[in-house]
Amino acid sequence: MQRVLIVEDQPDIRKLIRMTLEFEAYEIIEAPDGEQGLRLAIELLPDLMLLDVMMPGGIDGLEVCRRIRANPRHRRTKILMLSARDQATDRRAGKDAGADDYLTKPFSPRELLQAVTRAL
């Protein structure tokens, strides 16, 4: 079973993602902020991280992505950035940080599943 780590500060979006992916038989782990997401990623080595770009607190999604990419243990972990920002510069920042893909909020469950399938 593939392990997916959802790092998202908004509980309703985490719930939508979890409910969508549960039907596809993924093991789901959740983190409400970048610090906890980074800690869980290092500890659990997920196959995929769904990573919100803008989160409150000390570490945003771009920084989490950079730190994961700097760790050789995570070279196989796929990272899908989630953001309400849809400008070319925002997408480029995600790619520059090491993201494999970038999904713009709001997204449908179908769009999410397609992006997850592409990533894995």
Protein backbone atom coordinates (compact mmCIF):
# COMPACT_ATOMS: atom_id res chain seq x y z
CA MET A 1 0.00 0.00 0.00
CA GLN A 2 1.40 3.37 -0.97
CA ARG A 3 1.80 5.97 1.76
CA VAL A 4 0.55 9.54 1.19
CA LEU A 5 1.37 12.38 3.56
CA ILE A 6 -1.05 15.32 3.42
CA VAL A 7 0.47 18.54 4.77
CA GLU A 8 -2.34 21.11 4.81
CA ASP A 9 -3.32 23.66 7.45
CA GLN A 10 -7.03 23.82 6.51
CA PRO A 11 -8.92 20.90 8.10
CA ASP A 12 -11.70 20.92 5.50
CA ILE A 13 -9.22 20.55 2.63
CA ARG A 14 -7.34 17.79 4.49
CA LYS A 15 -10.65 16.00 4.97
CA LEU A 16 -11.56 16.30 1.27
CA ILE A 17 -8.16 14.94 0.24
CA ARG A 18 -8.31 12.10 2.78
CA MET A 19 -11.83 11.09 1.76
CA THR A 20 -10.89 11.12 -1.93
CA LEU A 21 -7.79 9.01 -1.46
CA GLU A 22 -9.20 6.55 1.07
CA PHE A 23 -11.34 5.00 -1.66
CA GLU A 24 -8.16 4.30 -3.64
CA ALA A 25 -6.58 2.26 -0.83
CA TYR A 26 -3.72 4.60 0.02
CA GLU A 27 -2.33 4.78 3.53
CA ILE A 28 -3.08 8.36 4.60
CA ILE A 29 -1.07 10.38 7.10
CA GLU A 30 -1.95 13.99 7.94
CA ALA A 31 -0.05 16.99 9.25
CA PRO A 32 -1.57 20.42 9.99
CA ASP A 33 1.62 22.44 9.41
CA GLY A 34 5.02 22.39 7.77
CA GLU A 35 7.01 21.52 10.88
CA GLN A 36 4.95 18.44 11.68
CA GLY A 37 4.83 17.51 8.00
CA LEU A 38 8.60 17.64 7.73
CA ARG A 39 9.02 15.56 10.89
CA LEU A 40 6.56 12.91 9.65
CA ALA A 41 8.14 12.82 6.19
CA ILE A 42 11.58 12.19 7.67
CA GLU A 43 10.23 9.55 10.03
CA LEU A 44 7.82 7.70 7.72
CA LEU A 45 9.30 8.12 4.20
CA PRO A 46 6.02 8.58 2.30
CA ASP A 47 5.70 7.67 -1.37
CA LEU A 48 3.90 10.96 -2.03
CA MET A 49 3.56 14.26 -0.20
CA LEU A 50 0.62 16.56 -0.91
CA LEU A 51 2.05 19.82 0.30
CA ASP A 52 0.21 23.11 0.76
CA VAL A 53 2.36 26.06 -0.27
CA MET A 54 1.07 28.69 2.14
CA MET A 55 0.92 27.58 5.77
CA PRO A 56 1.18 29.57 8.96
CA GLY A 57 4.07 29.10 11.31
CA GLY A 58 7.75 28.75 10.80
CA ILE A 59 7.96 26.55 7.68
CA ASP A 60 5.91 27.00 4.50
CA GLY A 61 5.41 24.32 1.86
CA LEU A 62 8.24 25.53 -0.36
CA GLU A 63 10.73 25.25 2.48
CA VAL A 64 9.46 21.78 3.41
CA CYS A 65 9.91 20.78 -0.22
CA ARG A 66 13.47 22.13 -0.33
CA ARG A 67 14.43 20.29 2.86
CA ILE A 68 12.92 17.01 1.64
CA ARG A 69 14.77 17.31 -1.67
CA ALA A 70 18.04 17.98 0.18
CA ASN A 71 17.73 14.65 2.01
CA PRO A 72 19.05 11.71 -0.07
CA ARG A 73 16.69 9.30 1.72
CA HIS A 74 13.78 11.07 -0.01
CA ARG A 75 14.92 10.91 -3.61
CA ARG A 76 11.97 8.63 -4.46
CA THR A 77 9.35 10.66 -2.60
CA LYS A 78 7.06 12.46 -5.03
CA ILE A 79 5.86 15.95 -4.07
CA LEU A 80 2.64 17.52 -5.31
CA MET A 81 2.30 21.17 -4.30
CA LEU A 82 -1.21 22.49 -3.55
CA SER A 83 -1.86 26.21 -3.79
CA ALA A 84 -4.48 28.87 -4.42
CA ARG A 85 -1.76 30.79 -6.29
CA ASP A 86 -1.85 30.09 -10.00
CA GLN A 87 0.64 32.51 -11.53
CA ALA A 88 3.51 31.21 -13.64
CA THR A 89 5.96 32.55 -11.04
CA ASP A 90 4.20 30.56 -8.30
CA ARG A 91 4.37 27.35 -10.34
CA ARG A 92 8.04 28.04 -11.11
CA ALA A 93 8.78 28.55 -7.40
CA GLY A 94 7.25 25.13 -6.70
CA LYS A 95 9.30 23.47 -9.42
CA ASP A 96 12.45 25.29 -8.29
CA ALA A 97 11.89 24.00 -4.75
CA GLY A 98 11.76 20.45 -6.13
CA ALA A 99 8.05 19.70 -6.59
CA ASP A 100 7.08 17.09 -9.14
CA ASP A 101 3.73 18.72 -9.88
CA TYR A 102 1.55 21.69 -8.85
CA LEU A 103 -2.22 21.57 -8.37
CA THR A 104 -4.25 24.76 -8.03
CA LYS A 105 -7.02 25.14 -5.42
CA PRO A 106 -9.88 24.72 -5.66
CA PHE A 107 -9.55 21.33 -7.32
CA SER A 108 -12.07 18.56 -7.83
CA PRO A 109 -11.64 15.07 -6.42
CA ARG A 110 -11.16 13.86 -10.00
CA GLU A 111 -8.35 16.36 -10.62
CA LEU A 112 -6.70 15.29 -7.38
CA LEU A 113 -6.87 11.60 -8.26
CA GLN A 114 -5.43 12.27 -11.72
CA ALA A 115 -2.51 14.22 -10.24
CA VAL A 116 -1.85 11.52 -7.62
CA THR A 117 -1.98 8.79 -10.27
CA ARG A 118 0.48 10.70 -12.45
CA ALA A 119 2.84 11.19 -9.53
CA LEU A 120 2.82 7.57 -8.39
